[in-house]
Structure formats: C-alpha cells, structure tokens
C-alpha atoms as a PDB file:
ATOM      1  CA  MET A   1     -93.268-188.583  72.974  1.00  0.00           C
ATOM      2  CA  ASN A   2     -92.919-191.985  71.338  1.00  0.00           C
ATOM      3  CA  GLU A   3     -91.657-194.839  73.435  1.00  0.00           C
ATOM      4  CA  SER A   4     -90.922-198.551  73.495  1.00  0.00           C
ATOM      5  CA  ASN A   5     -91.146-200.905  76.483  1.00  0.00           C
ATOM      6  CA  SER A   6     -94.186-200.178  78.597  1.00  0.00           C
ATOM      7  CA  GLY A   7     -94.111-198.802  82.116  1.00  0.00           C
ATOM      8  CA  SER A   8     -93.711-195.538  83.966  1.00  0.00           C
ATOM      9  CA  PRO A   9     -90.986-194.104  86.198  1.00  0.00           C
ATOM     10  CA  THR A  10     -92.678-195.613  89.244  1.00  0.00           C
ATOM     11  CA  ASP A  11     -93.947-198.916  87.830  1.00  0.00           C
ATOM     12  CA  GLY A  12     -91.844-200.894  90.341  1.00  0.00           C
ATOM     13  CA  THR A  13     -90.777-203.508  87.773  1.00  0.00           C
ATOM     14  CA  THR A  14     -87.312-203.604  89.327  1.00  0.00           C
ATOM     15  CA  PRO A  15     -87.319-204.465  93.053  1.00  0.00           C
ATOM     16  CA  ASN A  16     -86.199-201.597  95.273  1.00  0.00           C
ATOM     17  CA  ARG A  17     -85.111-199.614  92.246  1.00  0.00           C
ATOM     18  CA  ALA A  18     -86.841-196.488  93.536  1.00  0.00           C
ATOM     19  CA  LEU A  19     -84.543-196.624  96.551  1.00  0.00           C
ATOM     20  CA  VAL A  20     -81.492-196.310  94.312  1.00  0.00           C
ATOM     21  CA  ARG A  21     -80.353-192.820  93.444  1.00  0.00           C
ATOM     22  CA  GLY A  22     -80.889-192.210  89.739  1.00  0.00           C
ATOM     23  CA  SER A  23     -78.681-190.260  87.378  1.00  0.00           C
ATOM     24  CA  VAL A  24     -78.654-188.602  83.972  1.00  0.00           C
ATOM     25  CA  THR A  25     -75.946-188.966  81.346  1.00  0.00           C
ATOM     26  CA  LEU A  26     -75.941-186.786  78.247  1.00  0.00           C
ATOM     27  CA  VAL A  27     -74.404-188.942  75.525  1.00  0.00           C
ATOM     28  CA  GLY A  28     -73.104-187.775  72.164  1.00  0.00           C
ATOM     29  CA  ALA A  29     -74.120-190.302  69.511  1.00  0.00           C
ATOM     30  CA  GLY A  30     -71.863-188.790  66.862  1.00  0.00           C
ATOM     31  CA  PRO A  31     -72.981-187.842  63.349  1.00  0.00           C
ATOM     32  CA  GLY A  32     -74.408-191.234  62.420  1.00  0.00           C
ATOM     33  CA  ASP A  33     -71.823-193.914  61.756  1.00  0.00           C
ATOM     34  CA  PRO A  34     -72.112-196.225  64.809  1.00  0.00           C
ATOM     35  CA  GLU A  35     -68.413-197.051  64.607  1.00  0.00           C
ATOM     36  CA  LEU A  36     -67.700-193.465  65.673  1.00  0.00           C
ATOM     37  CA  LEU A  37     -69.315-194.011  69.084  1.00  0.00           C
ATOM     38  CA  THR A  38     -66.903-193.722  71.989  1.00  0.00           C
ATOM     39  CA  LEU A  39     -66.377-196.636  74.353  1.00  0.00           C
ATOM     40  CA  ARG A  40     -67.862-194.553  77.157  1.00  0.00           C
ATOM     41  CA  ALA A  41     -70.978-193.895  75.076  1.00  0.00           C
ATOM     42  CA  VAL A  42     -71.448-197.605  74.418  1.00  0.00           C
ATOM     43  CA  ARG A  43     -71.030-198.377  78.119  1.00  0.00           C
ATOM     44  CA  ALA A  44     -73.637-195.763  79.064  1.00  0.00           C
ATOM     45  CA  LEU A  45     -76.116-197.176  76.535  1.00  0.00           C
ATOM     46  CA  GLN A  46     -75.602-200.700  77.846  1.00  0.00           C
ATOM     47  CA  GLU A  47     -76.136-199.619  81.468  1.00  0.00           C
ATOM     48  CA  ALA A  48     -79.180-197.406  80.883  1.00  0.00           C
ATOM     49  CA  ASP A  49     -82.647-198.043  82.272  1.00  0.00           C
ATOM     50  CA  VAL A  50     -84.185-195.263  80.173  1.00  0.00           C
ATOM     51  CA  ILE A  51     -82.951-193.733  76.901  1.00  0.00           C
ATOM     52  CA  LEU A  52     -84.410-190.416  75.722  1.00  0.00           C
ATOM     53  CA  ILE A  53     -83.573-190.181  72.031  1.00  0.00           C
ATOM     54  CA  ASP A  54     -82.983-187.115  69.881  1.00  0.00           C
ATOM     55  CA  HIS A  55     -84.464-187.225  66.374  1.00  0.00           C
ATOM     56  CA  LEU A  56     -80.997-186.741  64.817  1.00  0.00           C
ATOM     57  CA  VAL A  57     -79.700-190.020  66.260  1.00  0.00           C
ATOM     58  CA  ALA A  58     -79.141-192.678  63.595  1.00  0.00           C
ATOM     59  CA  PRO A  59     -81.233-195.824  64.221  1.00  0.00           C
ATOM     60  CA  ALA A  60     -78.127-198.020  64.032  1.00  0.00           C
ATOM     61  CA  ILE A  61     -76.831-196.384  67.229  1.00  0.00           C
ATOM     62  CA  LEU A  62     -79.618-197.999  69.235  1.00  0.00           C
ATOM     63  CA  GLU A  63     -78.285-201.450  68.411  1.00  0.00           C
ATOM     64  CA  PHE A  64     -75.749-200.815  71.185  1.00  0.00           C
ATOM     65  CA  ALA A  65     -78.431-200.009  73.753  1.00  0.00           C
ATOM     66  CA  ARG A  66     -79.444-202.340  76.568  1.00  0.00           C
ATOM     67  CA  ARG A  67     -82.326-204.438  75.270  1.00  0.00           C
ATOM     68  CA  GLU A  68     -84.401-204.009  78.435  1.00  0.00           C
ATOM     69  CA  ALA A  69     -84.041-200.224  78.477  1.00  0.00           C
ATOM     70  CA  LYS A  70     -87.126-198.071  78.016  1.00  0.00           C
ATOM     71  CA  LYS A  71     -86.629-196.064  74.824  1.00  0.00           C
ATOM     72  CA  MET A  72     -88.469-192.810  74.164  1.00  0.00           C
ATOM     73  CA  MET A  73     -88.242-190.439  71.209  1.00  0.00           C
ATOM     74  CA  VAL A  74     -88.126-186.886  72.509  1.00  0.00           C
ATOM     75  CA  GLY A  75     -86.613-185.189  69.485  1.00  0.00           C
ATOM     76  CA  LYS A  76     -86.941-181.572  68.516  1.00  0.00           C
ATOM     77  CA  THR A  77     -87.499-180.953  64.805  1.00  0.00           C
ATOM     78  CA  GLY A  78     -87.233-177.585  63.133  1.00  0.00           C
ATOM     79  CA  TYR A  79     -90.588-176.354  61.818  1.00  0.00           C
ATOM     80  CA  GLY A  80     -92.268-179.654  62.745  1.00  0.00           C
ATOM     81  CA  PRO A  81     -93.836-181.456  65.710  1.00  0.00           C
ATOM     82  CA  SER A  82     -91.454-181.423  68.656  1.00  0.00           C
ATOM     83  CA  CYS A  83     -91.275-182.075  72.367  1.00  0.00           C
ATOM     84  CA  ARG A  84     -90.898-178.863  74.312  1.00  0.00           C
ATOM     85  CA  GLN A  85     -87.596-178.486  76.123  1.00  0.00           C
ATOM     86  CA  ASP A  86     -89.296-178.159  79.505  1.00  0.00           C
ATOM     87  CA  GLU A  87     -91.100-181.466  78.855  1.00  0.00           C
ATOM     88  CA  ILE A  88     -87.801-183.176  78.070  1.00  0.00           C
ATOM     89  CA  ASN A  89     -86.221-181.733  81.196  1.00  0.00           C
ATOM     90  CA  ALA A  90     -89.143-182.884  83.355  1.00  0.00           C
ATOM     91  CA  THR A  91     -89.046-186.390  81.875  1.00  0.00           C
ATOM     92  CA  MET A  92     -85.333-186.762  82.617  1.00  0.00           C
ATOM     93  CA  VAL A  93     -85.735-185.565  86.181  1.00  0.00           C
ATOM     94  CA  THR A  94     -88.823-187.706  86.857  1.00  0.00           C
ATOM     95  CA  PHE A  95     -87.168-190.924  85.763  1.00  0.00           C
ATOM     96  CA  ALA A  96     -83.947-190.126  87.608  1.00  0.00           C
ATOM     97  CA  LYS A  97     -85.843-189.335  90.812  1.00  0.00           C
ATOM     98  CA  ALA A  98     -87.421-192.788  90.510  1.00  0.00           C
ATOM     99  CA  GLY A  99     -83.935-194.312  90.652  1.00  0.00           C
ATOM    100  CA  LYS A 100     -83.437-194.841  86.929  1.00  0.00           C
ATOM    101  CA  ARG A 101     -80.176-194.476  85.048  1.00  0.00           C
ATOM    102  CA  VAL A 102     -81.228-192.102  82.284  1.00  0.00           C
ATOM    103  CA  VAL A 103     -79.317-191.567  79.049  1.00  0.00           C
ATOM    104  CA  ARG A 104     -80.193-188.467  77.051  1.00  0.00           C
ATOM    105  CA  LEU A 105     -78.946-189.511  73.621  1.00  0.00           C
ATOM    106  CA  LYS A 106     -78.095-186.658  71.270  1.00  0.00           C
ATOM    107  CA  GLY A 107     -76.761-186.483  67.726  1.00  0.00           C
ATOM    108  CA  GLY A 108     -73.193-185.287  67.272  1.00  0.00           C
ATOM    109  CA  ASP A 109     -71.716-183.760  70.431  1.00  0.00           C
ATOM    110  CA  PRO A 110     -74.253-182.769  73.095  1.00  0.00           C
ATOM    111  CA  MET A 111     -72.347-179.582  73.925  1.00  0.00           C
ATOM    112  CA  ILE A 112     -72.609-178.136  70.395  1.00  0.00           C
ATOM    113  CA  PHE A 113     -76.059-176.675  69.679  1.00  0.00           C
ATOM    114  CA  GLY A 114     -77.617-179.489  71.690  1.00  0.00           C
ATOM    115  CA  ARG A 115     -79.297-177.527  74.513  1.00  0.00           C
ATOM    116  CA  ALA A 116     -77.108-179.422  76.919  1.00  0.00           C
ATOM    117  CA  GLY A 117     -76.793-176.426  79.211  1.00  0.00           C
ATOM    118  CA  GLU A 118     -80.542-176.312  79.838  1.00  0.00           C
ATOM    119  CA  GLU A 119     -80.697-180.028  80.595  1.00  0.00           C
ATOM    120  CA  ILE A 120     -77.674-179.932  82.897  1.00  0.00           C
ATOM    121  CA  ALA A 121     -79.188-176.994  84.769  1.00  0.00           C
ATOM    122  CA  ALA A 122     -82.504-178.849  85.180  1.00  0.00           C
ATOM    123  CA  CYS A 123     -80.728-181.862  86.676  1.00  0.00           C
ATOM    124  CA  GLN A 124     -78.609-179.737  88.987  1.00  0.00           C
ATOM    125  CA  ALA A 125     -81.666-177.813  90.189  1.00  0.00           C
ATOM    126  CA  ALA A 126     -83.346-181.134  91.034  1.00  0.00           C
ATOM    127  CA  GLY A 127     -80.270-182.529  92.784  1.00  0.00           C
ATOM    128  CA  ILE A 128     -79.775-185.219  90.132  1.00  0.00           C
ATOM    129  CA  PRO A 129     -76.213-186.368  89.333  1.00  0.00           C
ATOM    130  CA  VAL A 130     -75.449-185.533  85.696  1.00  0.00           C
ATOM    131  CA  GLU A 131     -72.474-186.173  83.460  1.00  0.00           C
ATOM    132  CA  VAL A 132     -71.651-185.631  79.804  1.00  0.00           C
ATOM    133  CA  VAL A 133     -70.125-188.092  77.349  1.00  0.00           C
ATOM    134  CA  PRO A 134     -68.809-186.132  74.360  1.00  0.00           C
ATOM    135  CA  GLY A 135     -69.341-187.336  70.827  1.00  0.00           C
ATOM    136  CA  VAL A 136     -67.815-186.779  67.406  1.00  0.00           C
ATOM    137  CA  SER A 137     -69.414-183.597  66.092  1.00  0.00           C
ATOM    138  CA  ALA A 138     -71.191-183.396  62.749  1.00  0.00           C
ATOM    139  CA  ALA A 139     -68.527-180.944  61.594  1.00  0.00           C
ATOM    140  CA  GLN A 140     -65.738-183.381  62.427  1.00  0.00           C
ATOM    141  CA  GLY A 141     -67.551-186.221  60.704  1.00  0.00           C
ATOM    142  CA  ALA A 142     -68.227-184.172  57.581  1.00  0.00           C
ATOM    143  CA  ALA A 143     -64.639-182.911  57.375  1.00  0.00           C
ATOM    144  CA  SER A 144     -63.307-186.440  57.706  1.00  0.00           C
ATOM    145  CA  ARG A 145     -65.439-187.630  54.800  1.00  0.00           C
ATOM    146  CA  LEU A 146     -64.381-184.677  52.650  1.00  0.00           C
ATOM    147  CA  GLY A 147     -60.764-185.363  53.511  1.00  0.00           C
ATOM    148  CA  VAL A 148     -60.057-181.730  54.416  1.00  0.00           C
ATOM    149  CA  SER A 149     -58.542-180.032  57.427  1.00  0.00           C
ATOM    150  CA  LEU A 150     -60.791-177.215  58.621  1.00  0.00           C
ATOM    151  CA  THR A 151     -57.739-175.486  60.073  1.00  0.00           C
ATOM    152  CA  ALA A 152     -55.233-175.986  57.239  1.00  0.00           C
ATOM    153  CA  ARG A 153     -52.445-173.672  58.317  1.00  0.00           C
ATOM    154  CA  ALA A 154     -51.936-172.099  54.886  1.00  0.00           C
ATOM    155  CA  LEU A 155     -55.633-171.378  54.495  1.00  0.00           C
ATOM    156  CA  ALA A 156     -57.288-170.911  57.885  1.00  0.00           C
ATOM    157  CA  ARG A 157     -56.238-169.528  61.268  1.00  0.00           C
ATOM    158  CA  ARG A 158     -59.565-169.911  63.018  1.00  0.00           C
ATOM    159  CA  ILE A 159     -62.704-172.055  63.034  1.00  0.00           C
ATOM    160  CA  GLN A 160     -66.152-171.040  64.260  1.00  0.00           C
ATOM    161  CA  TYR A 161     -69.486-172.807  64.636  1.00  0.00           C
ATOM    162  CA  ILE A 162     -72.665-170.783  64.172  1.00  0.00           C
ATOM    163  CA  THR A 163     -76.357-171.593  63.944  1.00  0.00           C
ATOM    164  CA  ALA A 164     -78.586-170.227  61.193  1.00  0.00           C
ATOM    165  CA  HIS A 165     -81.739-170.967  63.198  1.00  0.00           C
ATOM    166  CA  ALA A 166     -82.845-168.658  66.015  1.00  0.00           C
ATOM    167  CA  THR A 167     -85.561-169.521  68.521  1.00  0.00           C
ATOM    168  CA  ASN A 168     -88.107-167.802  66.254  1.00  0.00           C
ATOM    169  CA  GLY A 169     -87.067-169.940  63.281  1.00  0.00           C
ATOM    170  CA  ARG A 170     -85.365-167.064  61.503  1.00  0.00           C
ATOM    171  CA  LEU A 171     -81.750-166.154  60.847  1.00  0.00           C
ATOM    172  CA  PRO A 172     -80.246-164.966  64.148  1.00  0.00           C
ATOM    173  CA  SER A 173     -79.975-161.194  64.363  1.00  0.00           C
ATOM    174  CA  ASP A 174     -76.687-161.218  66.282  1.00  0.00           C
ATOM    175  CA  ILE A 175     -74.405-163.051  63.835  1.00  0.00           C
ATOM    176  CA  ASP A 176     -70.945-161.477  63.706  1.00  0.00           C
ATOM    177  CA  TRP A 177     -70.814-160.809  59.962  1.00  0.00           C
ATOM    178  CA  LYS A 178     -67.316-159.334  60.092  1.00  0.00           C
ATOM    179  CA  SER A 179     -66.070-162.585  61.578  1.00  0.00           C
ATOM    180  CA  LEU A 180     -67.929-164.651  58.997  1.00  0.00           C
ATOM    181  CA  ALA A 181     -66.422-162.566  56.164  1.00  0.00           C
ATOM    182  CA  ASP A 182     -62.863-163.045  57.471  1.00  0.00           C
ATOM    183  CA  PRO A 183     -61.044-164.933  54.676  1.00  0.00           C
ATOM    184  CA  SER A 184     -58.822-166.732  57.184  1.00  0.00           C
ATOM    185  CA  THR A 185     -61.800-168.239  59.050  1.00  0.00           C
ATOM    186  CA  THR A 186     -63.546-171.559  58.466  1.00  0.00           C
ATOM    187  CA  THR A 187     -67.216-171.281  59.390  1.00  0.00           C
ATOM    188  CA  VAL A 188     -69.446-174.275  60.050  1.00  0.00           C
ATOM    189  CA  VAL A 189     -73.148-173.438  59.868  1.00  0.00           C
ATOM    190  CA  TYR A 190     -75.598-175.668  61.730  1.00  0.00           C
ATOM    191  CA  MET A 191     -79.334-175.794  60.928  1.00  0.00           C
ATOM    192  CA  PRO A 192     -79.023-173.774  57.685  1.00  0.00           C
ATOM    193  CA  LYS A 193     -81.787-175.120  55.451  1.00  0.00           C
ATOM    194  CA  ARG A 194     -84.475-172.451  55.791  1.00  0.00           C
ATOM    195  CA  THR A 195     -82.241-169.389  56.078  1.00  0.00           C
ATOM    196  CA  LEU A 196     -79.264-170.233  53.877  1.00  0.00           C
ATOM    197  CA  ALA A 197     -80.111-167.832  51.040  1.00  0.00           C
ATOM    198  CA  GLU A 198     -80.428-164.901  53.444  1.00  0.00           C
ATOM    199  CA  LEU A 199     -77.252-165.903  55.267  1.00  0.00           C
ATOM    200  CA  ALA A 200     -75.247-166.108  52.024  1.00  0.00           C
ATOM    201  CA  GLU A 201     -76.561-162.787  50.710  1.00  0.00           C
ATOM    202  CA  THR A 202     -75.876-160.991  53.986  1.00  0.00           C
ATOM    203  CA  ALA A 203     -72.409-162.506  54.303  1.00  0.00           C
ATOM    204  CA  MET A 204     -71.474-161.314  50.817  1.00  0.00           C
ATOM    205  CA  ALA A 205     -72.943-157.871  51.521  1.00  0.00           C
ATOM    206  CA  ASN A 206     -70.615-157.741  54.528  1.00  0.00           C
ATOM    207  CA  GLY A 207     -67.500-158.585  52.550  1.00  0.00           C
ATOM    208  CA  LEU A 208     -67.367-162.352  52.060  1.00  0.00           C
ATOM    209  CA  ALA A 209     -66.035-162.976  48.561  1.00  0.00           C
ATOM    210  CA  PRO A 210     -68.657-164.571  46.263  1.00  0.00           C
ATOM    211  CA  ASP A 211     -66.194-167.239  45.126  1.00  0.00           C
ATOM    212  CA  THR A 212     -65.507-168.438  48.696  1.00  0.00           C
ATOM    213  CA  PRO A 213     -65.872-172.248  48.800  1.00  0.00           C
ATOM    214  CA  ALA A 214     -69.033-173.472  50.506  1.00  0.00           C
ATOM    215  CA  ILE A 215     -69.920-177.151  50.836  1.00  0.00           C
ATOM    216  CA  ALA A 216     -73.111-178.645  52.211  1.00  0.00           C
ATOM    217  CA  VAL A 217     -72.987-182.098  53.769  1.00  0.00           C
ATOM    218  CA  ALA A 218     -76.241-183.918  54.522  1.00  0.00           C
ATOM    219  CA  SER A 219     -76.395-186.968  56.785  1.00  0.00           C
ATOM    220  CA  ALA A 220     -72.633-186.894  57.348  1.00  0.00           C
ATOM    221  CA  THR A 221     -70.963-190.321  57.800  1.00  0.00           C
ATOM    222  CA  ARG A 222     -74.204-192.203  57.093  1.00  0.00           C
ATOM    223  CA  PRO A 223     -74.814-194.468  54.072  1.00  0.00           C
ATOM    224  CA  GLU A 224     -77.144-191.823  52.593  1.00  0.00           C
ATOM    225  CA  GLU A 225     -74.574-189.027  53.011  1.00  0.00           C
ATOM    226  CA  GLN A 226     -74.806-186.378  50.291  1.00  0.00           C
ATOM    227  CA  VAL A 227     -72.307-183.643  49.449  1.00  0.00           C
ATOM    228  CA  VAL A 228     -73.225-180.425  47.629  1.00  0.00           C
ATOM    229  CA  PRO A 229     -70.106-178.485  46.547  1.00  0.00           C
ATOM    230  CA  ALA A 230     -70.502-174.813  45.615  1.00  0.00           C
ATOM    231  CA  THR A 231     -69.403-171.288  46.426  1.00  0.00           C
ATOM    232  CA  ILE A 232     -71.122-168.975  48.868  1.00  0.00           C
ATOM    233  CA  ALA A 233     -72.800-167.305  45.876  1.00  0.00           C
ATOM    234  CA  THR A 234     -74.291-170.561  44.578  1.00  0.00           C
ATOM    235  CA  ILE A 235     -74.717-172.782  47.634  1.00  0.00           C
ATOM    236  CA  ALA A 236     -78.339-171.837  48.408  1.00  0.00           C
ATOM    237  CA  ALA A 237     -79.565-172.618  44.896  1.00  0.00           C
ATOM    238  CA  ARG A 238     -77.539-175.822  44.650  1.00  0.00           C
ATOM    239  CA  LEU A 239     -78.747-177.084  48.007  1.00  0.00           C
ATOM    240  CA  ALA A 240     -82.363-176.276  47.130  1.00  0.00           C
ATOM    241  CA  LYS A 241     -81.985-178.227  43.880  1.00  0.00           C
ATOM    242  CA  ALA A 242     -80.422-181.235  45.620  1.00  0.00           C
ATOM    243  CA  ALA A 243     -83.099-181.128  48.373  1.00  0.00           C
ATOM    244  CA  PRO A 244     -81.311-183.639  50.618  1.00  0.00           C
ATOM    245  CA  GLY A 245     -83.067-185.251  53.547  1.00  0.00           C
ATOM    246  CA  GLY A 246     -81.580-185.563  57.001  1.00  0.00           C
ATOM    247  CA  PRO A 247     -79.482-183.096  58.967  1.00  0.00           C
ATOM    248  CA  VAL A 248     -77.447-180.619  56.906  1.00  0.00           C
ATOM    249  CA  LEU A 249     -74.501-178.403  57.738  1.00  0.00           C
ATOM    250  CA  ILE A 250     -72.614-175.909  55.592  1.00  0.00           C
ATOM    251  CA  MET A 251     -68.857-175.396  55.728  1.00  0.00           C
ATOM    252  CA  ILE A 252     -67.525-172.107  54.378  1.00  0.00           C
ATOM    253  CA  GLY A 253     -63.967-170.894  53.835  1.00  0.00           C
ATOM    254  CA  ARG A 254     -60.725-171.208  51.931  1.00  0.00           C
ATOM    255  CA  ALA A 255     -59.877-174.424  53.771  1.00  0.00           C
ATOM    256  CA  LEU A 256     -62.617-176.083  51.721  1.00  0.00           C
ATOM    257  CA  ALA A 257     -60.887-175.233  48.430  1.00  0.00           C
ATOM    258  CA  PRO A 258     -59.173-178.661  48.057  1.00  0.00           C
ATOM    259  CA  ALA A 259     -62.510-180.431  48.470  1.00  0.00           C
ATOM    260  CA  LEU A 260     -64.151-178.078  45.978  1.00  0.00           C
ATOM    261  CA  GLN A 261     -61.366-178.722  43.482  1.00  0.00           C
ATOM    262  CA  ALA A 262     -61.701-182.460  44.022  1.00  0.00           C
ATOM    263  CA  ALA A 263     -65.443-182.215  43.381  1.00  0.00           C
ATOM    264  CA  ALA A 264     -64.807-180.369  40.131  1.00  0.00           C
ATOM    265  CA  GLY A 265     -62.288-183.029  39.175  1.00  0.00           C
ATOM    266  CA  GLN A 266     -64.791-185.775  39.940  1.00  0.00           C
ATOM    267  CA  ASP A 267     -67.250-184.121  37.567  1.00  0.00           C
ATOM    268  CA  THR A 268     -64.601-184.471  34.842  1.00  0.00           C
ATOM    269  CA  ALA A 269     -63.448-187.994  35.740  1.00  0.00           C
ATOM    270  CA  SER A 270     -60.507-186.875  37.858  1.00  0.00           C
ATOM    271  CA  GLU A 271     -58.104-189.504  39.130  1.00  0.00           C
ATOM    272  CA  HIS A 272     -58.572-188.046  42.636  1.00  0.00           C
ATOM    273  CA  PRO A 273     -62.294-188.079  43.364  1.00  0.00           C
ATOM    274  CA  LEU A 274     -63.835-186.499  46.444  1.00  0.00           C
ATOM    275  CA  PRO A 275     -63.866-189.204  49.162  1.00  0.00           C
ATOM    276  CA  SER A 276     -67.616-189.006  49.802  1.00  0.00           C
ATOM    277  CA  ARG A 277     -70.505-191.333  49.108  1.00  0.00           C
ATOM    278  CA  ASN A 278     -72.848-189.142  47.045  1.00  0.00           C
ATOM    279  CA  LEU A 279     -72.076-185.946  45.143  1.00  0.00           C
ATOM    280  CA  ALA A 280     -74.919-183.637  44.132  1.00  0.00           C
END
C-alpha cells in the first residue's frame, strides 16, 4: 500500500480521537471527470481522516479531499500488483476502530463491480458504521460522451452489465450467452481487455449477429478518453490495435448504432461528428 501523510491508526495525533467512534463511507468517484462528483461525495472527502484510494480513481478527484487526510493507495489491478481484498478490509476496520472517519474511494459507482458487498460485510462484522455514496458509473459516463441512450425505446428494451474477468483472470464460465445475443439488449462489458476476443467469438457462436455495433470507451470522461467504434466481429482486433491505456469498457447492441454511424461519418468529414475527445 502506498500512502501520504505519516502516522498509524493509533498515532494519537488528534487528541481523544480514539475515543470517538469511527466510520467507513464507500464513495463513488465517478468515471473520472471531477465535475461529475456528487455533493455528498465532496462532503465525505472533505470530512475524511483517512482516504483509501482505488487505482481507477482519477488524480483530479483528490483535489477535493481534506488536505490533512491520510491518503493510501489500495487499488486492485488486473494481472498486476494489487492489495488483497482481505488486507483492504482489515485496513478500513483498523482505522475506523481507532476513531477515524474512513473514506473508501472507488472509481465509478462502488456498487457496480466494486467489491462493495465484501467491504460492507467486513464493516458490519466489526460493528463499524458504514454507508455508501453512489457515483456516476463508467457506463453512464461513456454513454453521455457518445451521446447515445443505452435504452433507446426503438432499439433496446433491456440493459445489462457483465464482467469479462473472473476471479481466475479468465472469461467467466457462467455468462448468459442467450441474454447477450438478444438483439433487444444493450450489454455493457466491464474489464474486457484480456478476454474480449473469446467473448466476441462465443457471443457470435451463440447467435449474436456479427454486425452488431460494439464500441469500446477507454478512460471515459477524462481528457485522455479514447473511443474505438466497431462491430462485435471486429472490436477485439480494433481495440488491440488502438491499445488504449486506462480503464476500458465495451458497449454492445443496436442502441449503439447512432454512435457507430456518427463515427463513420466523422471518418468522412461528416457534419455531425461523434461527440467524443479521441476516435481510434
């Protein structure tokens, strides 16, 4: 764990602080643009004694944090060095038991593929008060930048979020392929980088039309945001060629057709370019 501001949960730097009952607040930092933070999120950051920071949180978000707060990076990174979840849980509980107001700062919304359930359970088991401040999800941020409705009534009747990364690092074995192949469904795929080719091939083998729009958005709402428009048949190769950094999600379905058409128009100097920062 990387941290700033020296001290430990029991360093006694604040008089009688250990006598005060601590708490934990899981805060959604949104996809990256600090202007998408909620007022409640800003208030929690400004009141925190300790902030445990996910690696997906944009650095600009921390400008809203209380200057005196102890800041620690406890991010989990796919296929790279990471803090174990039990270590993160123990750190939250230890600080809170010492009377600290702990903010667990997570990218996007903490309740969407953010392991919030495990952290809430750890706090409850330890008798620590815990609350959740929702954030704008990466999917919402990406859709807003593409200028598309993920539930356009003429194109989609349902939306689903899935992860392409199981605990073993592989494509999950329990994906509902029939649901993914439903032409009236918009699917948002989180953590797709390593398994996207397999996911696309399996989806098509299970009935998803090869020409179904599929758009990758990297670093949604951030200055370095990158958009990779494609179809489900071509998205894996196009994303590999673009090789974007930062968090990536894939959106699949007919509701993405207007954005795909706009991207094609932008390639040919259309008067209605895709409202995104970078097009790969």
